[in-house]
Amino acid sequence: MNHLKGEGTLRILGIDYGRKRMGLALSDPLGLTAQGLETLECRGSEEDMEELSRLIREKGVEEIVVGLPKRMDASLGKEAQEVLRFVEDLKVKINLPVHMVDERLTTAGAHKIMKEGGLSRKERTKRADTIAAQTILQIYLDKRRKGL
């Protein structure tokens, strides 16, 4: 089921990659807002790719956005190198366009929002990956809408 961008039904998947968990978010059909999905508990590269493939088919995803954890000086550390390897694997195994977004401070921002909202430390830990994925995807959607 392929949709033209002008039809307003493009679904984009946002991913906050982590070795233990991946936060996931999905755009609304118009590409305006990001909604959080369940966090993917990582079980190994192949199993994780199979789960992502299933989700992509099920949700009609046509593009993927992954957060790139740059250092504050914009250099790429060990975590960023892991994300780059994950993105290359994703491009090979899931034949869709993959975009990257600078994710500096998204997880810290997610924790701050949840703390201000009165969530316990346990709840903040549980939801941080999803909120970070939503933030990554929303940054991409906003830039796309502005033509950046």
C-alpha atoms as a PDB file:
ATOM      1  CA  MET A   1       0.000   0.000   0.000  1.00  0.00           C
ATOM      2  CA  ASN A   2       1.967   2.989  -1.269  1.00  0.00           C
ATOM      3  CA  HIS A   3       0.773   6.507  -0.613  1.00  0.00           C
ATOM      4  CA  LEU A   4       1.790   9.719  -2.307  1.00  0.00           C
ATOM      5  CA  LYS A   5       3.022  12.438   0.022  1.00  0.00           C
ATOM      6  CA  GLY A   6       0.325  14.787  -1.198  1.00  0.00           C
ATOM      7  CA  GLU A   7      -2.424  12.399  -0.068  1.00  0.00           C
ATOM      8  CA  GLY A   8      -1.644  13.020   3.594  1.00  0.00           C
ATOM      9  CA  THR A   9      -1.375   9.367   4.607  1.00  0.00           C
ATOM     10  CA  LEU A  10       2.386   8.984   5.007  1.00  0.00           C
ATOM     11  CA  ARG A  11       3.329   7.221   8.241  1.00  0.00           C
ATOM     12  CA  ILE A  12       6.749   7.837   9.738  1.00  0.00           C
ATOM     13  CA  LEU A  13       8.308   5.750  12.519  1.00  0.00           C
ATOM     14  CA  GLY A  14      10.540   7.470  15.076  1.00  0.00           C
ATOM     15  CA  ILE A  15      13.153   5.409  16.914  1.00  0.00           C
ATOM     16  CA  ASP A  16      15.171   6.243  20.020  1.00  0.00           C
ATOM     17  CA  TYR A  17      17.755   3.460  19.722  1.00  0.00           C
ATOM     18  CA  GLY A  18      19.258   1.798  22.760  1.00  0.00           C
ATOM     19  CA  ARG A  19      21.006  -1.520  23.371  1.00  0.00           C
ATOM     20  CA  LYS A  20      18.409  -2.628  25.924  1.00  0.00           C
ATOM     21  CA  ARG A  21      15.295  -0.803  24.691  1.00  0.00           C
ATOM     22  CA  MET A  22      14.107   1.156  21.697  1.00  0.00           C
ATOM     23  CA  GLY A  23      11.597   3.913  22.159  1.00  0.00           C
ATOM     24  CA  LEU A  24       9.126   4.030  19.276  1.00  0.00           C
ATOM     25  CA  ALA A  25       6.744   6.689  17.985  1.00  0.00           C
ATOM     26  CA  LEU A  26       4.468   6.929  14.957  1.00  0.00           C
ATOM     27  CA  SER A  27       3.307   9.981  13.059  1.00  0.00           C
ATOM     28  CA  ASP A  28      -0.376  10.643  12.563  1.00  0.00           C
ATOM     29  CA  PRO A  29      -1.599  10.113   8.954  1.00  0.00           C
ATOM     30  CA  LEU A  30      -1.128  13.821   8.132  1.00  0.00           C
ATOM     31  CA  GLY A  31       2.457  13.878   9.399  1.00  0.00           C
ATOM     32  CA  LEU A  32       1.747  16.597  11.960  1.00  0.00           C
ATOM     33  CA  THR A  33       2.165  14.914  15.335  1.00  0.00           C
ATOM     34  CA  ALA A  34       4.083  12.032  16.897  1.00  0.00           C
ATOM     35  CA  GLN A  35       2.329   9.483  19.096  1.00  0.00           C
ATOM     36  CA  GLY A  36       4.229   7.107  21.347  1.00  0.00           C
ATOM     37  CA  LEU A  37       4.137   3.351  20.840  1.00  0.00           C
ATOM     38  CA  GLU A  38       5.173   0.540  23.155  1.00  0.00           C
ATOM     39  CA  THR A  39       8.883   0.354  23.902  1.00  0.00           C
ATOM     40  CA  LEU A  40      10.686  -2.492  22.129  1.00  0.00           C
ATOM     41  CA  GLU A  41      12.714  -4.599  24.566  1.00  0.00           C
ATOM     42  CA  CYS A  42      15.798  -5.573  22.569  1.00  0.00           C
ATOM     43  CA  ARG A  43      16.501  -9.293  22.267  1.00  0.00           C
ATOM     44  CA  GLY A  44      19.177  -9.307  19.587  1.00  0.00           C
ATOM     45  CA  SER A  45      19.728  -7.746  16.207  1.00  0.00           C
ATOM     46  CA  GLU A  46      17.828 -10.266  14.084  1.00  0.00           C
ATOM     47  CA  GLU A  47      14.842 -10.538  16.411  1.00  0.00           C
ATOM     48  CA  ASP A  48      14.698  -6.755  16.788  1.00  0.00           C
ATOM     49  CA  MET A  49      14.732  -6.266  13.015  1.00  0.00           C
ATOM     50  CA  GLU A  50      11.955  -8.841  12.620  1.00  0.00           C
ATOM     51  CA  GLU A  51       9.856  -7.026  15.225  1.00  0.00           C
ATOM     52  CA  LEU A  52      10.493  -3.654  13.559  1.00  0.00           C
ATOM     53  CA  SER A  53       9.604  -5.161  10.153  1.00  0.00           C
ATOM     54  CA  ARG A  54       6.332  -6.496  11.540  1.00  0.00           C
ATOM     55  CA  LEU A  55       5.487  -3.124  13.085  1.00  0.00           C
ATOM     56  CA  ILE A  56       6.358  -1.288   9.864  1.00  0.00           C
ATOM     57  CA  ARG A  57       4.071  -3.534   7.809  1.00  0.00           C
ATOM     58  CA  GLU A  58       1.278  -3.401  10.380  1.00  0.00           C
ATOM     59  CA  LYS A  59       1.341   0.416  10.674  1.00  0.00           C
ATOM     60  CA  GLY A  60       2.006   1.181   6.983  1.00  0.00           C
ATOM     61  CA  VAL A  61       5.272   2.976   7.715  1.00  0.00           C
ATOM     62  CA  GLU A  62       7.034   4.487   4.691  1.00  0.00           C
ATOM     63  CA  GLU A  63       9.890   6.396   6.347  1.00  0.00           C
ATOM     64  CA  ILE A  64      11.964   6.024   9.498  1.00  0.00           C
ATOM     65  CA  VAL A  65      13.627   8.660  11.692  1.00  0.00           C
ATOM     66  CA  VAL A  66      16.346   7.663  14.151  1.00  0.00           C
ATOM     67  CA  GLY A  67      17.850   9.896  16.817  1.00  0.00           C
ATOM     68  CA  LEU A  68      21.613  10.420  16.616  1.00  0.00           C
ATOM     69  CA  PRO A  69      23.121  11.028  20.075  1.00  0.00           C
ATOM     70  CA  LYS A  70      25.739  13.673  19.370  1.00  0.00           C
ATOM     71  CA  ARG A  71      27.930  15.066  22.105  1.00  0.00           C
ATOM     72  CA  MET A  72      27.372  18.652  23.191  1.00  0.00           C
ATOM     73  CA  ASP A  73      30.271  19.734  20.916  1.00  0.00           C
ATOM     74  CA  ALA A  74      28.472  17.953  18.013  1.00  0.00           C
ATOM     75  CA  SER A  75      31.096  15.190  17.784  1.00  0.00           C
ATOM     76  CA  LEU A  76      30.113  11.533  17.581  1.00  0.00           C
ATOM     77  CA  GLY A  77      30.939   9.249  20.500  1.00  0.00           C
ATOM     78  CA  LYS A  78      30.600   5.519  21.091  1.00  0.00           C
ATOM     79  CA  GLU A  79      26.782   5.642  21.370  1.00  0.00           C
ATOM     80  CA  ALA A  80      26.509   7.556  18.083  1.00  0.00           C
ATOM     81  CA  GLN A  81      28.712   4.972  16.349  1.00  0.00           C
ATOM     82  CA  GLU A  82      26.365   2.221  17.595  1.00  0.00           C
ATOM     83  CA  VAL A  83      23.371   4.138  16.232  1.00  0.00           C
ATOM     84  CA  LEU A  84      25.115   4.562  12.857  1.00  0.00           C
ATOM     85  CA  ARG A  85      25.710   0.783  12.686  1.00  0.00           C
ATOM     86  CA  PHE A  86      22.058   0.183  13.592  1.00  0.00           C
ATOM     87  CA  VAL A  87      20.925   2.610  10.864  1.00  0.00           C
ATOM     88  CA  GLU A  88      23.085   0.870   8.233  1.00  0.00           C
ATOM     89  CA  ASP A  89      21.609  -2.488   9.276  1.00  0.00           C
ATOM     90  CA  LEU A  90      18.121  -0.974   9.150  1.00  0.00           C
ATOM     91  CA  LYS A  91      18.681   0.391   5.630  1.00  0.00           C
ATOM     92  CA  VAL A  92      19.794  -3.036   4.399  1.00  0.00           C
ATOM     93  CA  LYS A  93      17.118  -5.136   6.095  1.00  0.00           C
ATOM     94  CA  ILE A  94      14.188  -2.727   5.867  1.00  0.00           C
ATOM     95  CA  ASN A  95      14.171  -1.112   2.473  1.00  0.00           C
ATOM     96  CA  LEU A  96      12.800   2.309   3.458  1.00  0.00           C
ATOM     97  CA  PRO A  97      14.263   5.829   3.644  1.00  0.00           C
ATOM     98  CA  VAL A  98      15.970   6.400   6.999  1.00  0.00           C
ATOM     99  CA  HIS A  99      16.597   9.921   8.284  1.00  0.00           C
ATOM    100  CA  MET A 100      18.622  10.966  11.304  1.00  0.00           C
ATOM    101  CA  VAL A 101      17.858  13.724  13.789  1.00  0.00           C
ATOM    102  CA  ASP A 102      20.192  15.233  16.383  1.00  0.00           C
ATOM    103  CA  GLU A 103      18.784  13.896  19.633  1.00  0.00           C
ATOM    104  CA  ARG A 104      20.905  15.834  22.100  1.00  0.00           C
ATOM    105  CA  LEU A 105      18.984  16.372  25.329  1.00  0.00           C
ATOM    106  CA  THR A 106      15.807  14.547  24.214  1.00  0.00           C
ATOM    107  CA  THR A 107      16.030  11.925  26.984  1.00  0.00           C
ATOM    108  CA  ALA A 108      16.985  14.542  29.583  1.00  0.00           C
ATOM    109  CA  GLY A 109      14.085  16.692  28.385  1.00  0.00           C
ATOM    110  CA  ALA A 110      11.728  13.720  28.618  1.00  0.00           C
ATOM    111  CA  HIS A 111      12.779  13.069  32.227  1.00  0.00           C
ATOM    112  CA  LYS A 112      12.328  16.746  33.129  1.00  0.00           C
ATOM    113  CA  ILE A 113       8.811  16.866  31.663  1.00  0.00           C
ATOM    114  CA  MET A 114       7.809  13.684  33.490  1.00  0.00           C
ATOM    115  CA  LYS A 115       9.333  14.826  36.788  1.00  0.00           C
ATOM    116  CA  GLU A 116       7.431  18.104  36.532  1.00  0.00           C
ATOM    117  CA  GLY A 117       4.322  16.012  35.835  1.00  0.00           C
ATOM    118  CA  GLY A 118       4.808  14.170  39.127  1.00  0.00           C
ATOM    119  CA  LEU A 119       5.703  10.749  37.724  1.00  0.00           C
ATOM    120  CA  SER A 120       7.726   8.440  39.949  1.00  0.00           C
ATOM    121  CA  ARG A 121      11.294   7.543  39.042  1.00  0.00           C
ATOM    122  CA  LYS A 122      10.090   4.055  38.037  1.00  0.00           C
ATOM    123  CA  GLU A 123       7.426   5.495  35.699  1.00  0.00           C
ATOM    124  CA  ARG A 124       9.918   8.015  34.258  1.00  0.00           C
ATOM    125  CA  THR A 125      12.364   5.206  33.452  1.00  0.00           C
ATOM    126  CA  LYS A 126       9.576   3.158  31.870  1.00  0.00           C
ATOM    127  CA  ARG A 127       8.331   5.997  29.638  1.00  0.00           C
ATOM    128  CA  ALA A 128      11.534   7.938  28.845  1.00  0.00           C
ATOM    129  CA  ASP A 129      12.407   5.985  25.681  1.00  0.00           C
ATOM    130  CA  THR A 130       8.942   6.452  24.205  1.00  0.00           C
ATOM    131  CA  ILE A 131       8.877  10.175  24.978  1.00  0.00           C
ATOM    132  CA  ALA A 132      12.379  10.561  23.528  1.00  0.00           C
ATOM    133  CA  ALA A 133      11.211   8.787  20.332  1.00  0.00           C
ATOM    134  CA  GLN A 134       8.185  11.104  20.173  1.00  0.00           C
ATOM    135  CA  THR A 135      10.470  14.119  20.556  1.00  0.00           C
ATOM    136  CA  ILE A 136      12.847  12.871  17.827  1.00  0.00           C
ATOM    137  CA  LEU A 137       9.964  12.270  15.448  1.00  0.00           C
ATOM    138  CA  GLN A 138       8.287  15.591  16.287  1.00  0.00           C
ATOM    139  CA  ILE A 139      11.541  17.483  15.590  1.00  0.00           C
ATOM    140  CA  TYR A 140      11.686  15.795  12.183  1.00  0.00           C
ATOM    141  CA  LEU A 141       7.997  16.472  11.412  1.00  0.00           C
ATOM    142  CA  ASP A 142       8.327  20.140  12.385  1.00  0.00           C
ATOM    143  CA  LYS A 143      11.451  20.632  10.253  1.00  0.00           C
ATOM    144  CA  ARG A 144       9.806  18.837   7.333  1.00  0.00           C
ATOM    145  CA  ARG A 145       6.725  21.053   7.573  1.00  0.00           C
ATOM    146  CA  LYS A 146       8.941  24.155   7.601  1.00  0.00           C
ATOM    147  CA  GLY A 147      10.860  22.851   4.610  1.00  0.00           C
ATOM    148  CA  LEU A 148      14.190  22.565   6.462  1.00  0.00           C
END
